[in-house]
Structure formats: structure tokens, C-alpha cells
C-alpha atoms as a PDB file:
ATOM      1  CA  MET A   1      -4.281  38.282  14.724  1.00  0.00           C
ATOM      2  CA  SER A   2      -4.734  36.331  11.764  1.00  0.00           C
ATOM      3  CA  THR A   3      -7.654  33.783  10.908  1.00  0.00           C
ATOM      4  CA  ASN A   4      -6.364  31.841   8.030  1.00  0.00           C
ATOM      5  CA  THR A   5      -7.024  28.224   8.963  1.00  0.00           C
ATOM      6  CA  ASN A   6      -5.557  27.168   5.688  1.00  0.00           C
ATOM      7  CA  SER A   7      -1.758  27.659   6.878  1.00  0.00           C
ATOM      8  CA  LEU A   8      -1.241  23.791   7.263  1.00  0.00           C
ATOM      9  CA  LYS A   9       0.574  22.701   4.023  1.00  0.00           C
ATOM     10  CA  THR A  10      -1.572  21.270   1.865  1.00  0.00           C
ATOM     11  CA  GLN A  11      -0.495  17.945   0.300  1.00  0.00           C
ATOM     12  CA  GLU A  12      -0.298  16.478  -2.947  1.00  0.00           C
ATOM     13  CA  PRO A  13      -3.327  13.968  -3.871  1.00  0.00           C
ATOM     14  CA  VAL A  14      -1.898  10.337  -2.165  1.00  0.00           C
ATOM     15  CA  SER A  15      -2.004   7.254  -4.108  1.00  0.00           C
ATOM     16  CA  TYR A  16      -3.615   4.459  -2.302  1.00  0.00           C
ATOM     17  CA  TRP A  17      -2.279   1.829  -4.389  1.00  0.00           C
ATOM     18  CA  LYS A  18       0.804   1.019  -2.492  1.00  0.00           C
ATOM     19  CA  LEU A  19      -1.310   1.402   0.969  1.00  0.00           C
ATOM     20  CA  ARG A  20      -4.081  -1.094  -0.580  1.00  0.00           C
ATOM     21  CA  GLY A  21      -1.756  -3.597  -1.251  1.00  0.00           C
ATOM     22  CA  LEU A  22       0.179  -3.493   1.822  1.00  0.00           C
ATOM     23  CA  LEU A  23      -3.583  -3.891   3.429  1.00  0.00           C
ATOM     24  CA  ILE A  24      -4.531  -6.508   1.430  1.00  0.00           C
ATOM     25  CA  VAL A  25      -1.523  -8.635   2.837  1.00  0.00           C
ATOM     26  CA  ALA A  26      -2.645  -7.362   6.154  1.00  0.00           C
ATOM     27  CA  SER A  27      -6.153  -8.541   5.713  1.00  0.00           C
ATOM     28  CA  LEU A  28      -4.958 -11.896   4.309  1.00  0.00           C
ATOM     29  CA  VAL A  29      -2.630 -12.376   7.355  1.00  0.00           C
ATOM     30  CA  ILE A  30      -5.887 -11.192   9.652  1.00  0.00           C
ATOM     31  CA  PHE A  31      -8.056 -13.754   8.049  1.00  0.00           C
ATOM     32  CA  ILE A  32      -5.643 -16.712   8.249  1.00  0.00           C
ATOM     33  CA  VAL A  33      -5.180 -16.118  12.132  1.00  0.00           C
ATOM     34  CA  SER A  34      -8.633 -15.795  12.742  1.00  0.00           C
ATOM     35  CA  TYR A  35      -9.366 -18.371  10.897  1.00  0.00           C
ATOM     36  CA  GLN A  36      -6.985 -20.391  12.647  1.00  0.00           C
ATOM     37  CA  VAL A  37      -7.762 -19.521  16.523  1.00  0.00           C
ATOM     38  CA  GLY A  38     -11.432 -20.225  15.387  1.00  0.00           C
ATOM     39  CA  PHE A  39     -10.467 -23.520  14.031  1.00  0.00           C
ATOM     40  CA  ASN A  40      -8.503 -24.249  17.019  1.00  0.00           C
ATOM     41  CA  ALA A  41     -11.054 -23.283  19.593  1.00  0.00           C
ATOM     42  CA  ASN A  42     -11.688 -26.204  21.996  1.00  0.00           C
ATOM     43  CA  LEU A  43     -15.013 -27.588  21.122  1.00  0.00           C
ATOM     44  CA  SER A  44     -16.564 -30.528  22.732  1.00  0.00           C
ATOM     45  CA  PRO A  45     -18.927 -32.855  20.472  1.00  0.00           C
ATOM     46  CA  SER A  46     -21.859 -31.609  21.621  1.00  0.00           C
ATOM     47  CA  GLU A  47     -21.122 -27.644  20.927  1.00  0.00           C
ATOM     48  CA  ALA A  48     -19.938 -29.154  17.541  1.00  0.00           C
ATOM     49  CA  ASN A  49     -23.328 -30.868  17.097  1.00  0.00           C
ATOM     50  CA  SER A  50     -24.867 -27.220  18.227  1.00  0.00           C
ATOM     51  CA  LEU A  51     -23.225 -25.387  15.347  1.00  0.00           C
ATOM     52  CA  ILE A  52     -23.491 -28.057  12.590  1.00  0.00           C
ATOM     53  CA  GLN A  53     -27.551 -27.828  13.576  1.00  0.00           C
ATOM     54  CA  ASP A  54     -27.495 -24.351  13.124  1.00  0.00           C
ATOM     55  CA  ASN A  55     -25.938 -24.627   9.486  1.00  0.00           C
ATOM     56  CA  THR A  56     -28.220 -27.470   8.612  1.00  0.00           C
ATOM     57  CA  SER A  57     -31.041 -25.167   7.459  1.00  0.00           C
ATOM     58  CA  TYR A  58     -28.862 -23.408   5.037  1.00  0.00           C
ATOM     59  CA  LEU A  59     -27.365 -26.695   3.834  1.00  0.00           C
ATOM     60  CA  SER A  60     -30.801 -28.102   3.283  1.00  0.00           C
ATOM     61  CA  THR A  61     -32.077 -24.876   1.058  1.00  0.00           C
ATOM     62  CA  LEU A  62     -28.303 -25.295  -1.173  1.00  0.00           C
ATOM     63  CA  LYS A  63     -29.114 -28.738  -1.561  1.00  0.00           C
ATOM     64  CA  SER A  64     -32.683 -28.263  -2.662  1.00  0.00           C
ATOM     65  CA  LEU A  65     -31.421 -25.916  -5.535  1.00  0.00           C
ATOM     66  CA  PRO A  66     -31.449 -27.893  -9.145  1.00  0.00           C
ATOM     67  CA  SER A  67     -27.973 -27.109 -10.351  1.00  0.00           C
ATOM     68  CA  LEU A  68     -24.530 -25.948  -9.308  1.00  0.00           C
ATOM     69  CA  ASP A  69     -25.212 -22.322 -10.733  1.00  0.00           C
ATOM     70  CA  SER A  70     -28.139 -21.838  -8.770  1.00  0.00           C
ATOM     71  CA  LYS A  71     -26.252 -22.969  -5.731  1.00  0.00           C
ATOM     72  CA  VAL A  72     -22.988 -20.727  -6.241  1.00  0.00           C
ATOM     73  CA  LEU A  73     -25.195 -17.844  -7.443  1.00  0.00           C
ATOM     74  CA  ARG A  74     -27.565 -18.232  -3.835  1.00  0.00           C
ATOM     75  CA  ILE A  75     -24.095 -18.650  -1.971  1.00  0.00           C
ATOM     76  CA  PHE A  76     -23.150 -14.842  -3.333  1.00  0.00           C
ATOM     77  CA  LEU A  77     -26.159 -13.738  -2.664  1.00  0.00           C
ATOM     78  CA  ASP A  78     -26.489 -14.620   0.740  1.00  0.00           C
ATOM     79  CA  GLU A  79     -22.798 -13.223   1.305  1.00  0.00           C
ATOM     80  CA  TYR A  80     -22.944  -9.742  -0.784  1.00  0.00           C
ATOM     81  CA  SER A  81     -24.247  -7.721   2.313  1.00  0.00           C
ATOM     82  CA  VAL A  82     -21.676  -9.161   4.348  1.00  0.00           C
ATOM     83  CA  VAL A  83     -19.112  -8.273   2.162  1.00  0.00           C
ATOM     84  CA  LEU A  84     -20.571  -4.496   1.538  1.00  0.00           C
ATOM     85  CA  ALA A  85     -20.783  -4.704   5.349  1.00  0.00           C
ATOM     86  CA  CYS A  86     -16.997  -5.305   5.779  1.00  0.00           C
ATOM     87  CA  ASN A  87     -16.515  -2.362   3.525  1.00  0.00           C
ATOM     88  CA  THR A  88     -17.296   0.027   6.399  1.00  0.00           C
ATOM     89  CA  PRO A  89     -14.813   2.293   8.399  1.00  0.00           C
ATOM     90  CA  PHE A  90     -13.834   0.208  11.382  1.00  0.00           C
ATOM     91  CA  LEU A  91     -16.939  -1.636  12.218  1.00  0.00           C
ATOM     92  CA  GLY A  92     -16.204  -3.779   8.706  1.00  0.00           C
ATOM     93  CA  PRO A  93     -12.504  -5.083   9.755  1.00  0.00           C
ATOM     94  CA  ALA A  94     -14.041  -6.106  13.123  1.00  0.00           C
ATOM     95  CA  LEU A  95     -16.817  -7.835  11.143  1.00  0.00           C
ATOM     96  CA  SER A  96     -14.201  -9.545   9.068  1.00  0.00           C
ATOM     97  CA  ILE A  97     -12.686 -10.929  11.625  1.00  0.00           C
ATOM     98  CA  TYR A  98     -15.706 -12.502  13.215  1.00  0.00           C
ATOM     99  CA  LEU A  99     -16.503 -13.647  10.374  1.00  0.00           C
ATOM    100  CA  ALA A 100     -13.110 -15.735   9.880  1.00  0.00           C
ATOM    101  CA  TYR A 101     -13.443 -17.109  13.367  1.00  0.00           C
ATOM    102  CA  ALA A 102     -16.665 -18.398  12.968  1.00  0.00           C
ATOM    103  CA  SER A 103     -15.646 -19.692   9.401  1.00  0.00           C
ATOM    104  CA  GLY A 104     -12.913 -21.725  11.412  1.00  0.00           C
ATOM    105  CA  THR A 105     -14.914 -22.799  14.266  1.00  0.00           C
ATOM    106  CA  LEU A 106     -17.733 -24.391  12.164  1.00  0.00           C
ATOM    107  CA  ASP A 107     -15.227 -25.650   9.688  1.00  0.00           C
ATOM    108  CA  LYS A 108     -13.609 -27.642  13.128  1.00  0.00           C
ATOM    109  CA  ALA A 109     -17.450 -28.536  13.887  1.00  0.00           C
ATOM    110  CA  TYR A 110     -17.574 -30.359  10.985  1.00  0.00           C
ATOM    111  CA  MET A 111     -14.306 -31.912  11.241  1.00  0.00           C
ATOM    112  CA  ILE A 112     -15.101 -33.281  14.885  1.00  0.00           C
ATOM    113  CA  SER A 113     -18.576 -34.741  13.030  1.00  0.00           C
ATOM    114  CA  GLY A 114     -16.655 -36.558  10.263  1.00  0.00           C
ATOM    115  CA  ASN A 115     -18.976 -34.084   7.888  1.00  0.00           C
ATOM    116  CA  VAL A 116     -17.667 -31.824   5.228  1.00  0.00           C
ATOM    117  CA  SER A 117     -20.112 -28.824   4.829  1.00  0.00           C
ATOM    118  CA  SER A 118     -18.921 -28.238   1.334  1.00  0.00           C
ATOM    119  CA  PHE A 119     -19.046 -31.546  -0.278  1.00  0.00           C
ATOM    120  CA  GLN A 120     -22.620 -32.310   1.128  1.00  0.00           C
ATOM    121  CA  VAL A 121     -24.286 -29.647  -1.280  1.00  0.00           C
ATOM    122  CA  ASP A 122     -21.464 -30.579  -4.177  1.00  0.00           C
ATOM    123  CA  ILE A 123     -19.626 -27.070  -4.169  1.00  0.00           C
ATOM    124  CA  PRO A 124     -16.150 -26.922  -5.791  1.00  0.00           C
ATOM    125  CA  SER A 125     -13.549 -25.570  -3.397  1.00  0.00           C
ATOM    126  CA  TYR A 126     -13.202 -22.633  -5.660  1.00  0.00           C
ATOM    127  CA  VAL A 127     -15.974 -21.282  -4.558  1.00  0.00           C
ATOM    128  CA  ASN A 128     -15.048 -20.906  -0.749  1.00  0.00           C
ATOM    129  CA  TYR A 129     -11.494 -19.191  -2.409  1.00  0.00           C
ATOM    130  CA  ILE A 130     -13.439 -16.817  -3.939  1.00  0.00           C
ATOM    131  CA  GLU A 131     -15.851 -16.233  -1.358  1.00  0.00           C
ATOM    132  CA  SER A 132     -12.700 -15.857   1.293  1.00  0.00           C
ATOM    133  CA  PHE A 133     -10.699 -13.285  -0.920  1.00  0.00           C
ATOM    134  CA  THR A 134     -13.987 -11.202  -1.672  1.00  0.00           C
ATOM    135  CA  LEU A 135     -13.765 -10.773   2.245  1.00  0.00           C
ATOM    136  CA  ILE A 136     -10.126 -10.373   2.263  1.00  0.00           C
ATOM    137  CA  LEU A 137     -10.402  -7.483  -0.006  1.00  0.00           C
ATOM    138  CA  ALA A 138     -13.436  -6.203   1.342  1.00  0.00           C
ATOM    139  CA  THR A 139     -11.495  -6.179   4.919  1.00  0.00           C
ATOM    140  CA  ALA A 140      -8.875  -4.088   3.011  1.00  0.00           C
ATOM    141  CA  GLU A 141     -11.165  -1.646   1.707  1.00  0.00           C
ATOM    142  CA  GLY A 142     -12.909  -1.394   5.443  1.00  0.00           C
ATOM    143  CA  LEU A 143      -9.046  -0.682   6.815  1.00  0.00           C
ATOM    144  CA  LEU A 144      -8.354   1.635   4.029  1.00  0.00           C
ATOM    145  CA  LEU A 145     -11.253   3.934   4.466  1.00  0.00           C
ATOM    146  CA  SER A 146     -10.768   3.488   8.529  1.00  0.00           C
ATOM    147  CA  TYR A 147      -7.178   5.349   7.775  1.00  0.00           C
ATOM    148  CA  ILE A 148      -8.369   7.787   5.180  1.00  0.00           C
ATOM    149  CA  TYR A 149     -11.387   8.523   7.873  1.00  0.00           C
ATOM    150  CA  ALA A 150      -9.116   8.801  10.933  1.00  0.00           C
ATOM    151  CA  ARG A 151      -6.156  10.869   8.832  1.00  0.00           C
ATOM    152  CA  LYS A 152      -9.120  13.852   7.568  1.00  0.00           C
ATOM    153  CA  LYS A 153     -10.345  13.588  11.651  1.00  0.00           C
ATOM    154  CA  LYS A 154      -6.874  14.369  12.363  1.00  0.00           C
ATOM    155  CA  LEU A 155      -6.142  16.961   9.650  1.00  0.00           C
ATOM    156  CA  THR A 156      -9.516  18.762  11.052  1.00  0.00           C
ATOM    157  CA  ILE A 157      -8.390  18.676  14.507  1.00  0.00           C
ATOM    158  CA  ALA A 158      -5.220  19.988  13.673  1.00  0.00           C
ATOM    159  CA  LYS A 159      -7.084  22.647  11.831  1.00  0.00           C
ATOM    160  CA  GLN A 160      -9.563  23.425  14.644  1.00  0.00           C
ATOM    161  CA  PHE A 161      -7.113  23.777  17.199  1.00  0.00           C
ATOM    162  CA  GLN A 162      -4.962  26.258  15.048  1.00  0.00           C
ATOM    163  CA  TYR A 163      -7.505  28.373  14.644  1.00  0.00           C
ATOM    164  CA  TYR A 164      -8.347  28.440  17.917  1.00  0.00           C
ATOM    165  CA  PHE A 165      -4.625  29.345  18.864  1.00  0.00           C
ATOM    166  CA  SER A 166      -4.536  31.886  16.786  1.00  0.00           C
ATOM    167  CA  ARG A 167      -7.905  33.537  17.738  1.00  0.00           C
ATOM    168  CA  HIS A 168      -7.363  33.352  21.636  1.00  0.00           C
ATOM    169  CA  HIS A 169      -3.388  33.860  21.827  1.00  0.00           C
END
């Protein structure tokens, strides 16, 4: 019996740019849906106030910074580890779904209370858009890495089965 484990057809290198584009669109849809689910959550005024209280210390820290540049830098430094985590296979996309949901819920809490969080610290809306876009891109990369990992694992398992059956049958 042959012990050739390389008999599976090798493929040409795959360009993931088209897949990346599709995953960015999918991540955008996932982000919007998760955010809307969070925003449409039923919150009582007491639950809304509790969420706002949890966010108050962070807003106080941002308010105390002297300039817009330092506030924006602080936001991005606080978020970079979260965005990096969203790049991880399998766990990252799940984390980004939760983050979008939590953002929607927090925005709903501010709406119920009549406050607007970003205006309280004088942060332009484009900062929120950039932050959301980086999360969407990180989610797409996490989905891509999940796909690549699953595909390689599938090929490895297929090779192992082929080797096993070629040796024992």
C-alpha cells in the first residue's frame, strides 16, 4: 500500500481579497443588527441609570483631559486591545457581536435618560464612526482567520483519514 499523504490535490494560492470584501459587508450587517438588537432592548429607567452610572467614571476621565486630541487618543488607546481581540478566530467575531449589542444598549440608556454621552465630552461624531469602522474591519479579519483555520483543519483531517485508510485497507 502507498503511504503517500500528498495525494490530495494541491490548490493554487487563494486570493482572499474578494472574500475579505464580502466579510466586511457581512461584518457591517452583523454590527448593525447587533447594535439594533441592543438599542431595541427593553430597558427600565432604573436599568438605564445603572448602565449610565457604569459609564460615568470613564466619561469623567475623558472630560478631565485638556484637549480634543488627548481625548481622542485616550479613546483609541482604550479600544485597541478590544479591536485586536476581535481579530482572533472564532472568539473575535463573537466578541464584536457583544460589543455592538452593548453599544446599542448603552445608547438606548442615554436616550431614555435624555443625555447624549459623546456630547458630554465634546467628541466629534466622526470619532465614533472611525471606532465602529475599525471594529467592523477587525470582525471581518476575525471571520477570515476563522475560515482559513477551519479550511486548513479540514484539509489536515482529510489527509489523516486518507493516510489511515491507505494504511489499513
